[in-house]
């Protein structure tokens, strides 16, 4: 339970990103910028920060994936389901790299 409490601020940032950024989509171009650049970058940076501060946890990428799933049905269609795994891998790499920085500091 303590690990989940430590993850909560970072997951709230991801929730904000996954549910507020799509409201800025005007056309297909802006949707692609949001899905392919802004969300992965934000996901990576929050995961990196989580890893530096709290070390590596397998739960964090899983929670990031679970948080993104409802947004598929709200803003996108089934073809966006591949992003669940993409954001999971990005957060896995980010938290792993962050944890490796944590050990060196």
N, C-alpha and C. Protein backbone atom coordinates (compact mmCIF):
# COMPACT_ATOMS: atom_id res chain seq x y z
N UNK A 1 0.81 -1.20 0.00
CA UNK A 1 0.00 0.00 0.00
C UNK A 1 0.86 1.27 0.00
N UNK A 2 1.99 1.18 0.67
CA UNK A 2 2.90 2.33 0.72
C UNK A 2 3.45 2.66 -0.67
N UNK A 3 3.74 1.62 -1.48
CA UNK A 3 4.23 1.85 -2.83
C UNK A 3 3.20 2.58 -3.68
N UNK A 4 1.94 2.21 -3.52
CA UNK A 4 0.88 2.84 -4.30
C UNK A 4 0.73 4.30 -3.90
N UNK A 5 0.88 4.61 -2.63
CA UNK A 5 0.81 6.00 -2.18
C UNK A 5 1.93 6.83 -2.80
N UNK A 6 3.11 6.22 -2.94
CA UNK A 6 4.23 6.93 -3.55
C UNK A 6 4.02 7.14 -5.04
N UNK A 7 3.28 6.23 -5.67
CA UNK A 7 3.02 6.33 -7.11
C UNK A 7 1.93 7.34 -7.43
N UNK A 8 1.06 7.61 -6.50
CA UNK A 8 -0.13 8.39 -6.76
C UNK A 8 0.12 9.76 -7.40
N UNK A 9 1.07 10.58 -6.92
CA UNK A 9 1.28 11.87 -7.58
C UNK A 9 1.70 11.73 -9.05
N UNK A 10 2.51 10.74 -9.34
CA UNK A 10 2.98 10.53 -10.71
C UNK A 10 1.85 10.00 -11.59
N UNK A 11 1.03 9.13 -11.02
CA UNK A 11 -0.11 8.61 -11.77
C UNK A 11 -1.15 9.71 -12.01
N UNK A 12 -1.30 10.63 -11.07
CA UNK A 12 -2.22 11.75 -11.28
C UNK A 12 -1.77 12.65 -12.42
N UNK A 13 -0.47 12.82 -12.55
CA UNK A 13 0.05 13.59 -13.69
C UNK A 13 -0.27 12.86 -14.98
N UNK A 14 -0.08 11.54 -15.00
CA UNK A 14 -0.42 10.76 -16.19
C UNK A 14 -1.92 10.82 -16.49
N UNK A 15 -2.74 10.75 -15.46
CA UNK A 15 -4.18 10.84 -15.66
C UNK A 15 -4.53 12.19 -16.28
N UNK A 16 -3.95 13.25 -15.75
CA UNK A 16 -4.19 14.57 -16.34
C UNK A 16 -3.76 14.64 -17.78
N UNK A 17 -2.63 14.05 -18.07
CA UNK A 17 -2.12 14.06 -19.44
C UNK A 17 -3.01 13.23 -20.36
N UNK A 18 -3.42 12.05 -19.92
CA UNK A 18 -4.21 11.15 -20.76
C UNK A 18 -5.63 11.66 -20.98
N UNK A 19 -6.14 12.47 -20.07
CA UNK A 19 -7.54 12.89 -20.18
C UNK A 19 -7.72 14.37 -20.49
N UNK A 20 -6.70 15.20 -20.27
CA UNK A 20 -6.82 16.61 -20.60
C UNK A 20 -6.23 16.96 -21.96
N UNK A 21 -5.10 16.35 -22.31
CA UNK A 21 -4.50 16.65 -23.61
C UNK A 21 -5.40 16.31 -24.79
N UNK A 22 -6.14 15.21 -24.76
CA UNK A 22 -7.01 14.92 -25.92
C UNK A 22 -8.11 15.96 -26.14
N UNK A 23 -8.43 16.74 -25.14
CA UNK A 23 -9.43 17.79 -25.35
C UNK A 23 -8.89 18.91 -26.24
N UNK A 24 -7.58 18.95 -26.44
CA UNK A 24 -6.96 19.96 -27.29
C UNK A 24 -6.90 19.53 -28.75
N UNK A 25 -7.34 18.31 -29.04
CA UNK A 25 -7.27 17.82 -30.42
C UNK A 25 -8.27 18.57 -31.30
N UNK A 26 -7.74 19.18 -32.34
CA UNK A 26 -8.56 19.92 -33.28
C UNK A 26 -8.76 19.12 -34.56
N UNK A 27 -7.69 18.55 -35.04
CA UNK A 27 -7.74 17.78 -36.28
C UNK A 27 -6.83 16.56 -36.13
N UNK A 28 -6.66 15.84 -37.21
CA UNK A 28 -5.84 14.63 -37.18
C UNK A 28 -4.38 14.94 -36.85
N UNK A 29 -3.88 16.05 -37.36
CA UNK A 29 -2.48 16.42 -37.10
C UNK A 29 -2.22 16.67 -35.62
N UNK A 30 -3.11 17.41 -34.99
CA UNK A 30 -2.92 17.67 -33.57
C UNK A 30 -3.09 16.40 -32.75
N UNK A 31 -3.98 15.52 -33.18
CA UNK A 31 -4.16 14.24 -32.48
C UNK A 31 -2.88 13.41 -32.57
N UNK A 32 -2.24 13.40 -33.71
CA UNK A 32 -1.00 12.64 -33.87
C UNK A 32 0.13 13.23 -33.04
N UNK A 33 0.20 14.55 -32.97
CA UNK A 33 1.23 15.18 -32.14
C UNK A 33 1.02 14.81 -30.67
N UNK A 34 -0.23 14.83 -30.24
CA UNK A 34 -0.53 14.50 -28.85
C UNK A 34 -0.21 13.03 -28.57
N UNK A 35 -0.68 12.13 -29.43
CA UNK A 35 -0.50 10.69 -29.20
C UNK A 35 0.93 10.21 -29.39
N UNK A 36 1.64 10.81 -30.34
CA UNK A 36 2.97 10.29 -30.69
C UNK A 36 4.13 11.08 -30.10
N UNK A 37 3.88 12.30 -29.62
CA UNK A 37 4.99 13.10 -29.08
C UNK A 37 4.73 13.53 -27.64
N UNK A 38 3.65 14.24 -27.40
CA UNK A 38 3.43 14.82 -26.07
C UNK A 38 3.17 13.77 -24.99
N UNK A 39 2.26 12.83 -25.25
CA UNK A 39 1.96 11.82 -24.24
C UNK A 39 3.14 10.89 -23.96
N UNK A 40 3.83 10.38 -25.00
CA UNK A 40 5.00 9.54 -24.69
C UNK A 40 6.09 10.30 -23.94
N UNK A 41 6.30 11.56 -24.31
CA UNK A 41 7.32 12.36 -23.63
C UNK A 41 6.93 12.59 -22.17
N UNK A 42 5.69 12.96 -21.94
CA UNK A 42 5.23 13.16 -20.57
C UNK A 42 5.27 11.88 -19.76
N UNK A 43 4.89 10.79 -20.38
CA UNK A 43 4.91 9.48 -19.72
C UNK A 43 6.34 9.10 -19.36
N UNK A 44 7.26 9.34 -20.25
CA UNK A 44 8.67 9.03 -19.99
C UNK A 44 9.22 9.90 -18.86
N UNK A 45 8.92 11.18 -18.90
CA UNK A 45 9.47 12.09 -17.89
C UNK A 45 8.91 11.81 -16.50
N UNK A 46 7.62 11.52 -16.41
CA UNK A 46 7.05 11.20 -15.09
C UNK A 46 7.60 9.87 -14.59
N UNK A 47 7.79 8.92 -15.49
CA UNK A 47 8.36 7.63 -15.09
C UNK A 47 9.81 7.78 -14.66
N UNK A 48 10.54 8.61 -15.35
CA UNK A 48 11.93 8.88 -14.98
C UNK A 48 11.99 9.52 -13.59
N UNK A 49 11.13 10.50 -13.36
CA UNK A 49 11.09 11.15 -12.05
C UNK A 49 10.69 10.16 -10.96
N UNK A 50 9.72 9.30 -11.25
CA UNK A 50 9.33 8.29 -10.27
C UNK A 50 10.50 7.35 -9.95
N UNK A 51 11.21 6.92 -10.98
CA UNK A 51 12.33 6.02 -10.77
C UNK A 51 13.46 6.65 -9.97
N UNK A 52 13.74 7.91 -10.23
CA UNK A 52 14.80 8.59 -9.49
C UNK A 52 14.40 8.72 -8.02
N UNK A 53 13.17 9.07 -7.77
CA UNK A 53 12.74 9.33 -6.39
C UNK A 53 12.43 8.05 -5.61
N UNK A 54 11.84 7.05 -6.28
CA UNK A 54 11.33 5.89 -5.55
C UNK A 54 11.91 4.56 -5.97
N UNK A 55 12.85 4.52 -6.85
CA UNK A 55 13.42 3.29 -7.37
C UNK A 55 12.45 2.60 -8.32
N UNK A 56 12.83 1.46 -8.82
CA UNK A 56 12.06 0.76 -9.84
C UNK A 56 10.96 -0.09 -9.22
N UNK A 57 9.80 -0.10 -9.86
CA UNK A 57 8.69 -0.96 -9.45
C UNK A 57 7.96 -1.44 -10.69
N UNK A 58 7.68 -2.73 -10.75
CA UNK A 58 6.94 -3.28 -11.88
C UNK A 58 5.50 -2.79 -11.90
N UNK A 59 4.99 -2.39 -10.76
CA UNK A 59 3.60 -1.95 -10.67
C UNK A 59 3.35 -0.64 -11.40
N UNK A 60 4.34 0.24 -11.39
CA UNK A 60 4.13 1.56 -11.99
C UNK A 60 3.76 1.48 -13.48
N UNK A 61 4.50 0.78 -14.32
CA UNK A 61 4.10 0.70 -15.73
C UNK A 61 2.73 0.03 -15.92
N UNK A 62 2.42 -0.93 -15.06
CA UNK A 62 1.11 -1.59 -15.17
C UNK A 62 0.00 -0.60 -14.85
N UNK A 63 0.20 0.21 -13.81
CA UNK A 63 -0.81 1.22 -13.49
C UNK A 63 -0.94 2.27 -14.58
N UNK A 64 0.17 2.65 -15.20
CA UNK A 64 0.11 3.60 -16.31
C UNK A 64 -0.73 3.02 -17.46
N UNK A 65 -0.53 1.75 -17.74
CA UNK A 65 -1.32 1.11 -18.79
C UNK A 65 -2.80 1.08 -18.42
N UNK A 66 -3.10 0.73 -17.19
CA UNK A 66 -4.50 0.65 -16.76
C UNK A 66 -5.17 2.02 -16.76
N UNK A 67 -4.43 3.06 -16.43
CA UNK A 67 -4.98 4.41 -16.41
C UNK A 67 -5.33 4.88 -17.82
N UNK A 68 -4.57 4.44 -18.82
CA UNK A 68 -4.80 4.88 -20.19
C UNK A 68 -6.00 4.19 -20.84
N UNK A 69 -6.31 2.97 -20.44
CA UNK A 69 -7.34 2.18 -21.13
C UNK A 69 -8.69 2.90 -21.24
N UNK A 70 -9.24 3.49 -20.19
CA UNK A 70 -10.55 4.16 -20.37
C UNK A 70 -10.53 5.31 -21.37
N UNK A 71 -9.39 5.99 -21.51
CA UNK A 71 -9.32 7.11 -22.45
C UNK A 71 -9.48 6.65 -23.90
N UNK A 72 -9.16 5.39 -24.17
CA UNK A 72 -9.34 4.86 -25.52
C UNK A 72 -10.80 4.92 -25.90
N UNK A 73 -11.67 4.52 -24.98
CA UNK A 73 -13.10 4.49 -25.26
C UNK A 73 -13.74 5.86 -25.20
N UNK A 74 -13.10 6.79 -24.50
CA UNK A 74 -13.64 8.15 -24.40
C UNK A 74 -13.24 9.00 -25.60
N UNK A 75 -11.95 8.97 -25.98
CA UNK A 75 -11.44 9.90 -26.99
C UNK A 75 -11.09 9.26 -28.33
N UNK A 76 -10.76 7.99 -28.34
CA UNK A 76 -10.23 7.35 -29.54
C UNK A 76 -11.14 6.20 -29.95
N UNK A 77 -10.58 5.26 -30.68
CA UNK A 77 -11.30 4.02 -31.00
C UNK A 77 -10.38 2.83 -30.70
N UNK A 78 -10.83 1.65 -31.03
CA UNK A 78 -10.09 0.44 -30.68
C UNK A 78 -8.69 0.39 -31.28
N UNK A 79 -8.47 1.09 -32.36
CA UNK A 79 -7.14 1.06 -32.97
C UNK A 79 -6.08 1.72 -32.09
N UNK A 80 -6.50 2.52 -31.12
CA UNK A 80 -5.55 3.16 -30.21
C UNK A 80 -5.14 2.24 -29.08
N UNK A 81 -5.64 1.01 -29.05
CA UNK A 81 -5.29 0.09 -27.98
C UNK A 81 -3.80 -0.24 -27.97
N UNK A 82 -3.14 -0.13 -29.10
CA UNK A 82 -1.71 -0.40 -29.17
C UNK A 82 -0.91 0.57 -28.30
N UNK A 83 -1.46 1.77 -28.07
CA UNK A 83 -0.77 2.76 -27.26
C UNK A 83 -0.71 2.35 -25.79
N UNK A 84 -1.62 1.49 -25.36
CA UNK A 84 -1.56 0.97 -23.99
C UNK A 84 -0.21 0.31 -23.76
N UNK A 85 0.18 -0.55 -24.67
CA UNK A 85 1.44 -1.26 -24.55
C UNK A 85 2.63 -0.34 -24.80
N UNK A 86 2.47 0.59 -25.73
CA UNK A 86 3.56 1.53 -26.01
C UNK A 86 3.85 2.39 -24.78
N UNK A 87 2.81 2.93 -24.15
CA UNK A 87 3.02 3.75 -22.97
C UNK A 87 3.52 2.91 -21.79
N UNK A 88 3.12 1.66 -21.74
CA UNK A 88 3.63 0.76 -20.71
C UNK A 88 5.12 0.54 -20.86
N UNK A 89 5.57 0.31 -22.09
CA UNK A 89 7.00 0.11 -22.34
C UNK A 89 7.77 1.39 -22.07
N UNK A 90 7.22 2.52 -22.49
CA UNK A 90 7.89 3.80 -22.25
C UNK A 90 8.04 4.06 -20.76
N UNK A 91 6.98 3.80 -19.99
CA UNK A 91 7.07 4.02 -18.55
C UNK A 91 7.99 3.00 -17.89
N UNK A 92 8.05 1.80 -18.42
CA UNK A 92 8.97 0.79 -17.90
C UNK A 92 10.41 1.23 -18.09
N UNK A 93 10.73 1.70 -19.28
CA UNK A 93 12.08 2.18 -19.57
C UNK A 93 12.41 3.41 -18.73
N UNK A 94 11.46 4.34 -18.65
CA UNK A 94 11.71 5.56 -17.87
C UNK A 94 11.95 5.27 -16.40
N UNK A 95 11.12 4.41 -15.81
CA UNK A 95 11.31 4.13 -14.39
C UNK A 95 12.58 3.31 -14.15
N UNK A 96 12.94 2.45 -15.09
CA UNK A 96 14.18 1.69 -14.96
C UNK A 96 15.39 2.61 -15.05
N UNK A 97 15.38 3.53 -16.02
CA UNK A 97 16.49 4.48 -16.13
C UNK A 97 16.56 5.39 -14.91
N UNK A 98 15.41 5.84 -14.44
CA UNK A 98 15.38 6.67 -13.25
C UNK A 98 15.95 5.95 -12.04
N UNK A 99 15.62 4.68 -11.91
CA UNK A 99 16.14 3.89 -10.78
C UNK A 99 17.65 3.73 -10.91
N UNK A 100 18.15 3.59 -12.14
CA UNK A 100 19.60 3.46 -12.30
C UNK A 100 20.31 4.77 -11.97
N UNK A 101 19.68 5.92 -12.23
CA UNK A 101 20.25 7.20 -11.81
C UNK A 101 20.23 7.31 -10.29
N UNK A 102 19.18 6.78 -9.71
CA UNK A 102 19.01 6.82 -8.25
C UNK A 102 20.17 6.09 -7.56
N UNK A 103 20.61 4.99 -8.10
CA UNK A 103 21.70 4.22 -7.51
C UNK A 103 23.02 4.94 -7.58
N UNK A 104 23.22 5.73 -8.66
CA UNK A 104 24.49 6.42 -8.86
C UNK A 104 24.61 7.66 -8.00
N UNK A 105 23.49 8.21 -7.56
CA UNK A 105 23.50 9.46 -6.80
C UNK A 105 23.83 9.21 -5.36
